[in-house]
Protein backbone atom coordinates (compact mmCIF):
# COMPACT_ATOMS: atom_id res chain seq x y z
CA MET A 1 108.51 29.25 -68.06
CA LYS A 2 106.63 31.62 -65.76
CA LYS A 3 104.75 34.80 -66.60
CA TYR A 4 104.22 37.59 -64.06
CA LEU A 5 102.18 40.78 -64.07
CA VAL A 6 104.24 43.90 -63.33
CA ILE A 7 102.64 47.14 -62.17
CA PHE A 8 104.17 50.49 -63.15
CA GLU A 9 103.35 53.56 -61.09
CA LYS A 10 104.41 57.07 -62.10
CA THR A 11 106.17 58.95 -59.30
CA LYS A 12 107.54 62.47 -58.94
CA THR A 13 111.02 61.25 -59.90
CA GLY A 14 110.25 58.49 -62.42
CA PHE A 15 108.62 55.08 -62.10
CA SER A 16 108.14 52.50 -59.39
CA VAL A 17 107.43 48.90 -60.40
CA TYR A 18 106.33 45.86 -58.43
CA VAL A 19 105.22 42.27 -59.00
CA PRO A 20 102.07 41.40 -57.00
CA ASP A 21 102.75 37.66 -57.14
CA LEU A 22 106.36 38.05 -55.93
CA PRO A 23 106.13 39.97 -52.63
CA GLY A 24 109.15 42.19 -52.10
CA CYS A 25 110.16 42.17 -55.76
CA ILE A 26 110.31 45.86 -56.66
CA ALA A 27 112.34 48.24 -58.80
CA THR A 28 112.48 51.90 -59.77
CA GLY A 29 113.85 53.96 -62.60
CA PRO A 30 113.91 57.54 -63.87
CA THR A 31 112.13 56.41 -67.06
CA LYS A 32 109.62 53.66 -67.73
CA SER A 33 112.15 51.94 -69.96
CA GLU A 34 114.81 51.95 -67.24
CA ALA A 35 112.29 50.75 -64.64
CA GLU A 36 111.26 47.92 -66.98
CA LYS A 37 114.89 46.85 -67.38
CA ASN A 38 115.39 47.01 -63.63
CA ILE A 39 112.28 44.97 -62.76
CA PHE A 40 113.24 42.31 -65.30
CA GLU A 41 116.60 41.95 -63.57
CA ALA A 42 114.92 42.02 -60.14
CA ILE A 43 112.53 39.21 -61.13
CA GLU A 44 115.40 37.09 -62.43
CA PHE A 45 117.36 37.68 -59.22
CA HIS A 46 114.31 36.98 -57.03
CA LEU A 47 113.49 33.71 -58.81
CA GLN A 48 117.13 32.61 -58.74
CA GLY A 49 117.22 33.21 -54.97
CA LEU A 50 114.04 31.20 -54.44
CA GLN A 51 115.50 28.33 -56.48
CA GLU A 52 118.82 28.38 -54.65
CA ASP A 53 117.02 28.33 -51.29
CA LYS A 54 114.75 25.53 -52.55
CA LEU A 55 111.68 27.65 -51.84
CA PHE A 56 108.34 27.58 -53.66
CA ILE A 57 108.22 29.68 -56.82
CA PRO A 58 104.76 31.27 -56.92
CA ASP A 59 102.47 30.93 -59.91
CA ASN A 60 100.95 33.98 -61.54
CA LYS A 61 97.55 34.55 -59.94
CA THR A 62 97.16 38.27 -60.58
CA GLU A 63 95.43 39.70 -63.62
CA ALA A 64 94.89 43.28 -64.70
CA GLU A 65 92.72 45.07 -67.16
CA THR A 66 92.28 48.71 -68.08
CA MET A 67 88.74 50.03 -68.06
CA PHE A 68 87.75 53.30 -69.70
CA PHE A 69 85.10 55.73 -68.45
CA GLN A 70 83.62 58.87 -69.92
CA VAL A 71 83.75 61.66 -67.37
């Protein structure tokens, strides 16, 4: 089982999502929930393609943390 960090970015029309450890694996959606569903499917599809092509499946190397600042 693999675990990957996904990054959600708010856009003018909804959300854009990408996976830093899986270059080219992206998705969008009008809501965060829809974007989350779409990136889950995109990751599954991406990993399946790598397996079928007998290519290396990257490990998770990216971490994220939220920091808070008083301004």
